[in-house]
Amino acid sequence: QARMKASGGGLVQVGGSLRLSCPVPRTTFSAGWYRQRPGEQRVLIASIIDRTTTNYADVVKGRFTISRDRDKNLMYLQMNSLKPQDTAVYYCNFVPSGANWGQGTQVTVSS
């Protein structure tokens, strides 16, 4: 099963924005973004089924937007109005997640 590698993380101030990217196989039906905050388990925060149905965890709803570009085989996570509690390592994977996890990308929101 393919490992997906997330990219686009970085250091941003409170209220700022970042866009994460992840290559996703064209035939993938359902994929999503997960994050793991320090000392916590990895959790699913956003998912996209086919190209149209999206779901979000309550903690990011209204601030984060997941999307897919099938022409480019990419999945994105647009993150706006970032908060310090969004600081985490962000991963992309299938939904449900596969056993293999690719490299995550660190997002740090400073106050």
Foldseek 3Di string as FASTA:
>chain_A
DDAKEKDWADEEEAQAKTKIKIQAPLPAFKKFKWWDDPPGDIDTAKMDGRFPDIDGDPVQPPFWDWGADSVRRMIMIIGGRDDQVVFTWMFMAGVVGDPDYDGTHTHGYHD
